[in-house]
Amino acid sequence: MSQAALDYIAAFKQGEDFQAPAKGVYAAGQPDPEALSVLGKALGEEDGNTRENIVYLLVEMGISTDPLTPRGAEVLRYPRIIEILVGPGLAKPDLGREAAMEALRKLCTRADLARFDEEFTNALALEPTGEAFMLVAKAKAMRSVELIERLIKLPQWEDLEAAHIARGALGDKEEEKKFLDAAAEANDGQTLAVALGALALMGTELSLRFIGEQLRSPWLIDIPGHMPGRSVQSVRLNVLDALMYNFPEYPELYRNNIHSDEDYRAAERFCVENLGVVYRGAPPPFLKFGNIPPEDEAAA
């Protein structure tokens, strides 16, 4: 039995929060099977706060040992950890379940989530939350279609955007078109960024192609800054975020890996090869973050 895992659980039960890096829960450079067994059992039994921190520990164990992490990716692919998050992680509707759902949808590939269609549908039925709707959307859990149709007719869910996103993700063309039209009507960087976020959560073939097509957008987004003038970031970073959510196993889609025009080109090649995007015209000048001086802003 893993003493380190037991020590972590005891600390979490005393109210301590998990702090990375994880220690003592590895064997031969991989998550220790004994530690996983102990943590999985506790995840199915303990209170919500303890369960939440166990999730964070498990996620750290998986990401820190993934071979893509040194390349700047943040992806959870360790099969046993995914199984634990899906099993005992979703067992009780509390903070632990929400943390497990968030980790699964943000960090796992769609292929790794696809085999848990029934589990995700059952979790949505047990306690419909925004996270639960977004998880079935990411996993394309088709068994959820009828359940979503029933839920979305109820007053507490009829205006929840996540429910409509899930509906579109699972094949409702009218819902899909609504979100695509909103993105197509965007007339500035901020509006486009918000629309891209919804399309990313939906993750359909059409929405992903639309997202990829925006990788040459010249639009900027205002961000907080301490210098005189206007601090901005390129909306292309938001495009990358939307792509990365759906393909976390591709390091070229991470904004932190963008250092030159060639890095943007690598992301474009991904979109051409995997999403069927066709780019026409020249890309905008290289930019991630910048500052527009007051005099230039006034002239504009």
Protein backbone atom coordinates (compact mmCIF):
# COMPACT_ATOMS: atom_id res chain seq x y z
CA MET A 1 0.00 0.00 0.00
CA SER A 2 1.30 3.45 -0.90
CA GLN A 3 2.09 5.42 2.24
CA ALA A 4 2.54 8.60 0.20
CA ALA A 5 -0.99 8.28 -1.17
CA LEU A 6 -2.36 7.68 2.33
CA ASP A 7 -0.49 10.75 3.57
CA TYR A 8 -1.98 12.88 0.81
CA ILE A 9 -5.49 11.69 1.63
CA ALA A 10 -5.01 12.40 5.33
CA ALA A 11 -3.76 15.92 4.53
CA PHE A 12 -6.71 16.59 2.25
CA LYS A 13 -9.12 15.41 4.95
CA GLN A 14 -7.51 17.95 7.29
CA GLY A 15 -8.31 20.73 4.82
CA GLU A 16 -4.95 21.04 3.05
CA ASP A 17 -4.98 21.74 -0.67
CA PHE A 18 -2.89 19.82 -3.18
CA GLN A 19 0.29 21.58 -4.20
CA ALA A 20 2.29 20.43 -7.22
CA PRO A 21 4.58 18.70 -7.82
CA ALA A 22 3.31 15.37 -6.55
CA LYS A 23 5.82 13.44 -4.46
CA GLY A 24 6.23 9.77 -3.59
CA VAL A 25 3.47 8.48 -5.86
CA TYR A 26 5.59 7.36 -8.80
CA ALA A 27 7.35 4.11 -9.65
CA ALA A 28 9.91 3.84 -12.45
CA GLY A 29 8.92 7.28 -13.73
CA GLN A 30 5.23 6.42 -14.02
CA PRO A 31 2.24 6.72 -11.68
CA ASP A 32 2.61 4.07 -8.98
CA PRO A 33 -0.14 1.42 -9.41
CA GLU A 34 -0.43 1.02 -5.64
CA ALA A 35 -0.89 4.76 -5.20
CA LEU A 36 -3.54 4.78 -7.92
CA SER A 37 -5.39 1.96 -6.17
CA VAL A 38 -5.40 3.83 -2.85
CA LEU A 39 -6.40 7.13 -4.42
CA GLY A 40 -9.12 5.54 -6.54
CA LYS A 41 -10.72 3.90 -3.51
CA ALA A 42 -10.66 7.15 -1.53
CA LEU A 43 -12.04 9.08 -4.49
CA GLY A 44 -15.18 6.99 -4.34
CA GLU A 45 -15.68 7.38 -0.59
CA GLU A 46 -14.47 10.71 0.80
CA ASP A 47 -16.12 14.13 1.12
CA GLY A 48 -16.27 16.60 -1.74
CA ASN A 49 -13.26 18.72 -0.76
CA THR A 50 -11.05 15.66 -0.30
CA ARG A 51 -12.26 14.20 -3.58
CA GLU A 52 -11.53 17.45 -5.39
CA ASN A 53 -7.93 17.45 -4.20
CA ILE A 54 -7.49 13.78 -5.06
CA VAL A 55 -8.55 14.68 -8.60
CA TYR A 56 -5.91 17.41 -8.75
CA LEU A 57 -3.27 14.94 -7.53
CA LEU A 58 -4.27 12.32 -10.09
CA VAL A 59 -4.22 14.88 -12.89
CA GLU A 60 -0.74 16.02 -11.87
CA MET A 61 0.47 12.41 -11.83
CA GLY A 62 -0.82 11.86 -15.35
CA ILE A 63 0.34 15.08 -16.94
CA SER A 64 3.78 15.14 -15.32
CA THR A 65 4.62 11.71 -16.77
CA ASP A 66 3.20 12.25 -20.25
CA PRO A 67 5.89 12.39 -22.97
CA LEU A 68 4.21 15.42 -24.57
CA THR A 69 4.60 17.57 -21.46
CA PRO A 70 8.24 18.53 -22.23
CA ARG A 71 7.00 19.71 -25.63
CA GLY A 72 4.64 22.21 -24.03
CA ALA A 73 1.43 20.18 -24.12
CA GLU A 74 -0.93 19.60 -21.21
CA VAL A 75 -2.76 16.39 -21.97
CA LEU A 76 -4.01 13.56 -19.77
CA ARG A 77 -3.68 10.19 -21.50
CA TYR A 78 -2.76 7.71 -18.76
CA PRO A 79 -5.50 5.06 -19.13
CA ARG A 80 -5.84 4.03 -15.49
CA ILE A 81 -6.09 7.64 -14.29
CA ILE A 82 -8.79 8.38 -16.85
CA GLU A 83 -10.69 5.29 -15.71
CA ILE A 84 -10.48 6.42 -12.08
CA LEU A 85 -11.73 9.91 -12.91
CA VAL A 86 -14.64 8.45 -14.87
CA GLY A 87 -15.50 5.78 -12.29
CA PRO A 88 -15.20 6.91 -8.67
CA GLY A 89 -14.57 10.47 -9.85
CA LEU A 90 -18.13 10.80 -11.14
CA ALA A 91 -19.73 8.74 -8.37
CA LYS A 92 -21.08 11.61 -6.27
CA PRO A 93 -22.43 15.03 -7.34
CA ASP A 94 -20.01 17.30 -5.48
CA LEU A 95 -16.84 19.35 -5.94
CA GLY A 96 -14.90 16.19 -6.73
CA ARG A 97 -17.20 15.29 -9.58
CA GLU A 98 -17.04 18.78 -11.06
CA ALA A 99 -13.23 18.74 -10.87
CA ALA A 100 -13.10 15.33 -12.53
CA MET A 101 -15.44 16.45 -15.30
CA GLU A 102 -13.44 19.60 -15.95
CA ALA A 103 -10.19 17.65 -16.12
CA LEU A 104 -11.64 15.04 -18.46
CA ARG A 105 -13.10 17.51 -20.93
CA LYS A 106 -10.18 19.94 -20.93
CA LEU A 107 -7.23 17.57 -20.80
CA CYS A 108 -8.30 14.33 -22.49
CA THR A 109 -8.57 13.59 -26.18
CA ARG A 110 -11.95 12.89 -27.69
CA ALA A 111 -10.74 9.40 -28.64
CA ASP A 112 -9.95 8.60 -25.01
CA LEU A 113 -13.36 9.88 -23.88
CA ALA A 114 -15.40 8.14 -26.57
CA ARG A 115 -15.63 4.77 -24.80
CA PHE A 116 -17.34 6.29 -21.77
CA ASP A 117 -20.56 7.28 -23.52
CA GLU A 118 -22.76 5.45 -21.02
CA GLU A 119 -20.91 6.74 -17.94
CA PHE A 120 -21.12 10.37 -19.07
CA THR A 121 -24.79 10.04 -19.93
CA ASN A 122 -25.52 8.56 -16.52
CA ALA A 123 -23.60 11.37 -14.84
CA LEU A 124 -25.64 13.97 -16.71
CA ALA A 125 -28.84 12.24 -15.67
CA LEU A 126 -27.74 12.04 -12.03
CA GLU A 127 -26.98 15.76 -11.72
CA PRO A 128 -27.28 18.00 -14.80
CA THR A 129 -24.68 20.76 -14.49
CA GLY A 130 -22.87 22.94 -16.97
CA GLU A 131 -19.79 20.73 -16.65
CA ALA A 132 -21.85 17.61 -17.32
CA PHE A 133 -23.36 19.10 -20.48
CA MET A 134 -19.95 20.23 -21.71
CA LEU A 135 -18.42 16.82 -21.03
CA VAL A 136 -21.00 14.94 -23.11
CA ALA A 137 -20.41 17.54 -25.83
CA LYS A 138 -16.64 16.96 -25.83
CA ALA A 139 -17.03 13.18 -25.75
CA LYS A 140 -19.83 13.21 -28.35
CA ALA A 141 -21.78 10.92 -26.01
CA MET A 142 -24.63 10.08 -28.36
CA ARG A 143 -26.58 8.19 -25.70
CA SER A 144 -27.23 11.61 -24.16
CA VAL A 145 -29.30 12.90 -27.08
CA GLU A 146 -32.74 11.95 -25.75
CA LEU A 147 -31.82 12.98 -22.22
CA ILE A 148 -30.71 16.42 -23.40
CA GLU A 149 -33.94 16.83 -25.34
CA ARG A 150 -35.92 16.16 -22.17
CA LEU A 151 -33.78 18.39 -19.96
CA ILE A 152 -33.72 21.34 -22.32
CA LYS A 153 -37.50 21.56 -22.18
CA LEU A 154 -37.40 22.14 -18.43
CA PRO A 155 -37.28 25.74 -17.10
CA GLN A 156 -34.01 25.29 -15.20
CA TRP A 157 -32.13 24.16 -18.32
CA GLU A 158 -33.88 25.84 -21.25
CA ASP A 159 -31.65 28.94 -21.15
CA LEU A 160 -28.40 27.23 -20.15
CA GLU A 161 -25.91 27.80 -22.97
CA ALA A 162 -24.01 24.61 -22.15
CA ALA A 163 -27.18 22.58 -22.75
CA HIS A 164 -27.64 24.12 -26.18
CA ILE A 165 -23.96 23.61 -26.98
CA ALA A 166 -24.30 19.93 -26.08
CA ARG A 167 -27.39 19.67 -28.23
CA GLY A 168 -25.50 21.09 -31.19
CA ALA A 169 -22.46 18.92 -30.49
CA LEU A 170 -24.61 15.80 -30.69
CA GLY A 171 -26.11 16.55 -34.06
CA ASP A 172 -28.81 19.22 -33.81
CA LYS A 173 -28.14 21.24 -36.97
CA GLU A 174 -30.32 24.17 -35.93
CA GLU A 175 -28.34 24.64 -32.72
CA GLU A 176 -25.07 24.26 -34.59
CA LYS A 177 -26.11 26.89 -37.14
CA LYS A 178 -27.07 29.32 -34.38
CA PHE A 179 -23.58 29.26 -32.90
CA LEU A 180 -21.88 29.32 -36.30
CA ASP A 181 -23.96 32.32 -37.39
CA ALA A 182 -23.06 34.20 -34.21
CA ALA A 183 -19.38 33.64 -34.92
CA ALA A 184 -19.71 34.64 -38.57
CA GLU A 185 -21.40 37.90 -37.54
CA ALA A 186 -18.58 38.92 -35.19
CA ASN A 187 -17.15 42.30 -36.17
CA ASP A 188 -14.29 42.65 -33.70
CA GLY A 189 -11.76 40.50 -31.89
CA GLN A 190 -13.54 40.34 -28.55
CA THR A 191 -16.85 39.26 -30.06
CA LEU A 192 -15.10 36.66 -32.20
CA ALA A 193 -13.20 35.29 -29.20
CA VAL A 194 -16.43 34.74 -27.26
CA ALA A 195 -18.06 33.05 -30.23
CA LEU A 196 -15.04 30.82 -30.77
CA GLY A 197 -15.28 29.65 -27.18
CA ALA A 198 -18.77 28.27 -27.77
CA LEU A 199 -17.75 26.66 -31.05
CA ALA A 200 -14.79 24.99 -29.34
CA LEU A 201 -17.06 23.47 -26.71
CA MET A 202 -19.37 22.20 -29.46
CA GLY A 203 -16.50 20.70 -31.46
CA THR A 204 -18.39 19.65 -34.58
CA GLU A 205 -16.72 19.26 -37.95
CA LEU A 206 -18.15 22.55 -39.22
CA SER A 207 -17.36 24.49 -36.06
CA LEU A 208 -13.77 23.24 -36.00
CA ARG A 209 -13.25 24.17 -39.63
CA PHE A 210 -14.62 27.65 -38.96
CA ILE A 211 -12.27 28.02 -36.00
CA GLY A 212 -9.29 26.96 -38.08
CA GLU A 213 -10.17 29.46 -40.80
CA GLN A 214 -9.80 32.30 -38.27
CA LEU A 215 -6.13 31.54 -37.70
CA ARG A 216 -5.25 34.37 -40.08
CA SER A 217 -7.53 36.95 -38.47
CA PRO A 218 -5.85 40.36 -38.00
CA TRP A 219 -8.17 41.35 -35.14
CA LEU A 220 -6.92 42.35 -31.72
CA ILE A 221 -8.35 42.08 -28.22
CA ASP A 222 -7.81 44.65 -25.51
CA ILE A 223 -6.12 43.25 -22.41
CA PRO A 224 -5.08 44.83 -19.09
CA GLY A 225 -1.71 46.57 -19.23
CA HIS A 226 0.49 48.95 -17.28
CA MET A 227 2.03 50.91 -20.18
CA PRO A 228 0.55 54.08 -21.70
CA GLY A 229 -1.62 53.33 -24.68
CA ARG A 230 -3.56 50.22 -25.55
CA SER A 231 -2.38 46.75 -24.55
CA VAL A 232 -3.57 44.11 -26.99
CA GLN A 233 -3.31 40.47 -27.91
CA SER A 234 -3.95 38.80 -31.23
CA VAL A 235 -7.26 36.95 -31.50
CA ARG A 236 -5.23 34.22 -33.17
CA LEU A 237 -4.26 33.10 -29.66
CA ASN A 238 -7.94 32.54 -28.91
CA VAL A 239 -8.19 30.53 -32.11
CA LEU A 240 -5.34 28.35 -30.91
CA ASP A 241 -7.01 27.91 -27.51
CA ALA A 242 -10.19 26.74 -29.23
CA LEU A 243 -8.28 24.25 -31.36
CA MET A 244 -6.18 23.01 -28.46
CA TYR A 245 -9.31 22.27 -26.39
CA ASN A 246 -10.34 19.77 -29.04
CA PHE A 247 -6.87 18.47 -29.84
CA PRO A 248 -4.79 18.69 -26.64
CA GLU A 249 -2.36 16.07 -27.96
CA TYR A 250 -0.92 18.46 -30.58
CA PRO A 251 1.79 20.73 -29.12
CA GLU A 252 1.73 23.04 -32.16
CA LEU A 253 -1.71 24.28 -31.07
CA TYR A 254 -0.59 25.65 -27.70
CA ARG A 255 -0.22 29.41 -27.52
CA ASN A 256 2.89 29.06 -25.37
CA ASN A 257 4.60 27.30 -28.28
CA ILE A 258 4.13 30.28 -30.60
CA HIS A 259 7.39 32.19 -30.91
CA SER A 260 7.61 33.04 -34.62
CA ASP A 261 5.67 33.14 -37.86
CA GLU A 262 6.76 29.57 -38.54
CA ASP A 263 4.99 28.45 -35.39
CA TYR A 264 1.74 29.94 -36.68
CA ARG A 265 2.42 28.16 -39.99
CA ALA A 266 2.72 24.85 -38.13
CA ALA A 267 -0.71 25.41 -36.60
CA GLU A 268 -2.08 26.30 -40.03
CA ARG A 269 -0.68 23.07 -41.48
CA PHE A 270 -2.55 21.17 -38.80
CA CYS A 271 -5.79 22.88 -39.84
CA VAL A 272 -5.19 22.18 -43.52
CA GLU A 273 -4.35 18.52 -42.96
CA ASN A 274 -6.92 17.68 -40.29
CA LEU A 275 -9.81 20.12 -40.72
CA GLY A 276 -9.86 20.76 -44.45
CA VAL A 277 -9.13 24.47 -44.07
CA VAL A 278 -8.01 26.37 -47.17
CA TYR A 279 -6.16 29.64 -46.54
CA ARG A 280 -6.21 32.40 -49.14
CA GLY A 281 -4.18 35.57 -49.02
CA ALA A 282 -1.26 36.49 -46.82
CA PRO A 283 -1.28 36.07 -43.04
CA PRO A 284 -1.15 39.16 -40.82
CA PRO A 285 2.19 40.27 -39.35
CA PHE A 286 3.44 38.17 -36.46
CA LEU A 287 1.91 39.18 -33.14
CA LYS A 288 1.04 37.60 -29.84
CA PHE A 289 0.91 40.56 -27.49
CA GLY A 290 1.60 44.21 -28.17
CA ASN A 291 1.06 47.82 -27.20
CA ILE A 292 -0.40 50.59 -29.33
CA PRO A 293 1.12 53.93 -28.18
CA PRO A 294 -1.31 56.77 -27.37
CA GLU A 295 -0.29 58.78 -30.43
CA ASP A 296 -0.92 55.85 -32.78
CA GLU A 297 -4.24 55.12 -31.10
CA ALA A 298 -5.31 58.76 -31.53
CA ALA A 299 -4.31 58.71 -35.20
CA ALA A 300 -6.36 55.58 -35.76
